[in-house]
Protein backbone atom coordinates (compact mmCIF):
# COMPACT_ATOMS: atom_id res chain seq x y z
CA MET A 1 61.00 46.74 -35.20
CA TYR A 2 63.46 43.94 -35.56
CA LYS A 3 67.18 44.73 -35.46
CA GLY A 4 68.35 46.05 -38.82
CA GLU A 5 64.84 46.46 -40.23
CA VAL A 6 65.16 50.24 -40.26
CA TYR A 7 68.13 49.98 -42.64
CA LYS A 8 66.39 47.84 -45.25
CA PRO A 9 65.36 49.86 -48.31
CA SER A 10 62.37 47.52 -48.72
CA ASN A 11 61.02 48.36 -45.23
CA THR A 12 57.43 49.62 -45.34
CA GLY A 13 56.98 50.25 -41.62
CA ARG A 14 58.67 53.61 -42.03
CA LEU A 15 55.91 54.64 -44.42
CA ILE A 16 53.48 54.45 -41.50
CA ALA A 17 55.75 56.70 -39.45
CA ASP A 18 55.80 59.21 -42.32
CA VAL A 19 51.99 59.36 -42.57
CA VAL A 20 50.66 58.79 -39.03
CA LYS A 21 51.25 61.83 -36.83
CA ASP A 22 51.22 60.13 -33.44
CA ASN A 23 53.61 57.19 -33.74
CA HIS A 24 56.55 55.67 -31.91
CA ALA A 25 59.24 53.30 -33.12
CA PHE A 26 61.37 51.00 -30.98
CA GLN A 27 64.02 48.46 -31.83
CA TRP A 28 63.23 45.03 -30.43
CA GLU A 29 65.85 43.06 -28.55
CA ARG A 30 65.30 39.57 -27.22
CA THR A 31 66.85 40.08 -23.79
CA ARG A 32 66.55 43.84 -23.22
CA PHE A 33 63.26 45.72 -22.95
CA ASP A 34 63.11 49.39 -23.90
CA PRO A 35 61.86 51.34 -20.84
CA ALA A 36 60.17 53.95 -23.07
CA LEU A 37 58.19 51.22 -24.84
CA LEU A 38 57.15 49.65 -21.54
CA ALA A 39 56.07 53.08 -20.25
CA LEU A 40 53.97 53.63 -23.36
CA ILE A 41 52.31 50.22 -23.05
CA ASN A 42 51.51 50.97 -19.40
CA ASP A 43 50.33 54.56 -19.98
CA PRO A 44 46.74 54.81 -18.65
CA HIS A 45 45.69 56.99 -21.59
CA TYR A 46 46.23 54.13 -24.03
CA ALA A 47 44.71 50.72 -24.67
CA PRO A 48 47.60 48.70 -26.15
CA ILE A 49 46.64 46.22 -28.88
CA ILE A 50 49.12 44.02 -30.70
CA VAL A 51 48.38 43.55 -34.39
CA PHE A 52 49.14 39.98 -35.43
CA PRO A 53 47.36 37.00 -37.03
CA HIS A 54 45.01 35.25 -34.64
CA GLN A 55 46.36 31.80 -35.36
CA TYR A 56 49.46 32.63 -33.28
CA ALA A 57 47.51 33.84 -30.21
CA GLU A 58 45.39 32.24 -27.52
CA ALA A 59 41.68 32.53 -28.39
CA ASP A 60 40.86 34.65 -25.32
CA ARG A 61 43.29 37.36 -26.50
CA CYS A 62 41.84 37.65 -30.02
CA ILE A 63 39.71 40.62 -31.05
CA CYS A 64 38.29 41.60 -34.45
CA HIS A 65 37.89 45.33 -33.81
CA PRO A 66 39.57 47.82 -31.45
CA LYS A 67 36.18 48.59 -29.89
CA ASP A 68 36.00 44.97 -28.68
CA ILE A 69 38.14 45.76 -25.63
CA PRO A 70 36.73 47.49 -22.53
CA GLN A 71 39.56 50.06 -22.31
CA VAL A 72 38.68 51.48 -25.74
CA GLN A 73 34.98 51.41 -24.83
CA ALA A 74 35.91 53.42 -21.72
CA GLY A 75 37.58 56.14 -23.81
CA ARG A 76 41.21 55.10 -23.91
CA THR A 77 43.07 55.66 -27.17
CA PRO A 78 43.98 52.45 -28.99
CA LEU A 79 47.76 51.96 -29.11
CA PHE A 80 48.37 49.66 -32.07
CA ILE A 81 51.60 47.72 -31.75
CA MET A 82 52.89 46.68 -35.16
CA LEU A 83 55.71 44.14 -35.37
CA ASP A 84 58.01 45.24 -38.18
CA GLY A 85 60.27 42.57 -39.62
CA THR A 86 60.12 39.38 -41.64
CA TRP A 87 57.46 36.86 -40.62
CA ARG A 88 60.07 34.76 -38.83
CA GLU A 89 61.31 37.83 -36.93
CA ALA A 90 57.79 39.04 -36.14
CA LYS A 91 56.91 35.67 -34.58
CA LYS A 92 59.92 36.03 -32.27
CA MET A 93 58.83 39.54 -31.27
CA PHE A 94 55.27 38.36 -30.69
CA ARG A 95 56.52 36.01 -27.95
CA SER A 96 57.97 38.91 -25.92
CA PRO A 97 56.83 38.68 -22.29
CA TYR A 98 55.62 42.29 -22.14
CA LEU A 99 53.25 41.59 -25.06
CA ALA A 100 51.98 38.26 -23.72
CA LYS A 101 48.79 39.55 -22.08
CA LEU A 102 47.77 42.17 -24.65
CA PRO A 103 44.74 41.72 -26.87
CA VAL A 104 45.56 40.64 -30.43
CA LEU A 105 43.88 42.30 -33.38
CA GLY A 106 43.92 40.01 -36.39
CA ILE A 107 43.53 41.55 -39.82
CA GLN A 108 41.37 39.51 -42.18
CA PRO A 109 42.49 40.53 -45.67
CA VAL A 110 40.17 39.75 -48.56
CA ARG A 111 43.05 39.65 -51.01
CA GLY A 112 46.73 38.86 -50.89
CA SER A 113 49.61 41.24 -50.49
CA GLU A 114 50.45 43.67 -53.25
CA TYR A 115 53.96 44.14 -51.88
CA GLN A 116 55.58 42.10 -54.69
CA LEU A 117 59.10 42.31 -53.29
CA ARG A 118 58.61 38.93 -51.61
CA GLU A 119 55.92 36.35 -52.22
CA ALA A 120 53.68 35.71 -49.25
CA ALA A 121 52.99 32.09 -48.40
CA HIS A 122 49.55 32.82 -46.88
CA LEU A 123 46.76 35.32 -47.34
CA HIS A 124 47.29 36.84 -43.87
CA GLN A 125 50.92 37.70 -44.68
CA LEU A 126 50.76 41.35 -45.64
CA CYS A 127 53.65 43.79 -45.43
CA THR A 128 53.70 46.22 -42.51
CA ALA A 129 52.27 49.15 -44.50
CA GLU A 130 49.39 47.02 -45.79
CA VAL A 131 48.55 45.95 -42.25
CA GLY A 132 48.76 49.60 -41.19
CA ILE A 133 46.26 50.57 -43.90
CA GLU A 134 43.78 47.96 -42.66
CA VAL A 135 44.24 48.98 -39.01
CA LEU A 136 43.68 52.64 -39.86
CA LYS A 137 40.44 51.72 -41.64
CA LEU A 138 39.26 49.77 -38.59
CA ALA A 139 40.14 52.74 -36.37
CA GLY A 140 37.97 55.04 -38.50
CA GLU A 141 40.96 56.90 -39.93
CA SER A 142 39.95 56.53 -43.58
CA ARG A 143 41.77 59.65 -44.83
CA VAL A 144 45.03 58.56 -43.22
CA ALA A 145 44.49 55.02 -44.58
CA GLU A 146 44.00 56.44 -48.09
CA ALA A 147 47.13 58.58 -47.77
CA LEU A 148 49.15 55.56 -46.61
CA GLN A 149 47.73 53.45 -49.45
CA ALA A 150 48.76 56.08 -52.03
CA TYR A 151 52.21 56.45 -50.46
CA PHE A 152 52.66 52.67 -50.40
CA CYS A 153 51.72 52.40 -54.09
CA VAL A 154 54.29 55.02 -55.06
CA PHE A 155 56.92 53.39 -52.81
CA ARG A 156 56.28 49.95 -54.30
CA GLU A 157 56.33 51.19 -57.91
CA ARG A 158 59.56 53.15 -57.42
CA TYR A 159 61.25 50.31 -55.58
CA LEU A 160 60.25 47.75 -58.21
CA ALA A 161 61.37 50.05 -61.01
CA GLY A 162 64.87 49.96 -59.56
CA LYS A 163 64.96 46.18 -59.19
CA ALA A 164 65.53 44.44 -62.50
CA ASN A 165 65.38 40.99 -60.91
CA VAL A 166 61.93 41.44 -59.34
CA HIS A 167 59.06 40.28 -61.54
CA THR A 168 55.69 41.75 -60.81
CA HIS A 169 52.88 39.28 -60.58
CA THR A 170 49.75 38.78 -58.60
CA ARG A 171 49.13 35.65 -56.61
CA ASN A 172 45.55 34.63 -56.14
CA PHE A 173 44.59 33.36 -52.71
CA THR A 174 41.52 31.57 -51.59
CA GLN A 175 40.00 32.27 -48.19
CA GLY A 176 41.50 29.01 -46.83
CA ASP A 177 45.13 30.07 -47.41
């Protein structure tokens, strides 16, 4: 996660940590790499996959399903790497050298974000929890995805209830956004 993200009351990445049993969180720094994160990425039991929109990755790194990579086909556990921060921050994290060779799983949402705390400029711009829900569905973890979806809905409703200046609205996207 990007520096300071953990302290933001609007952060939804922590919802994933509350619901998913096997999870790890690391603070990203531009010039310093966390040895525990590097060890996890290089652990032979895992198949690390970065979750990020395909338009930011080279075509040969892009996958549409975790089972598209040989390591998962060979029995390794997918290790989904979620970049938690604003879109500008996430793009900086995505360029980290230790992530540069990993396969990129792009989520293809059929509707826009329901986050409502910020307006997304594009259809692919979901909040971290929404991306987590979609990844869990792809991984066959439907019960966990449903639990995260319910938790996210409660979080969003409670957060919005406390923000008088946030107007709830739905933005309609077309597939080309």
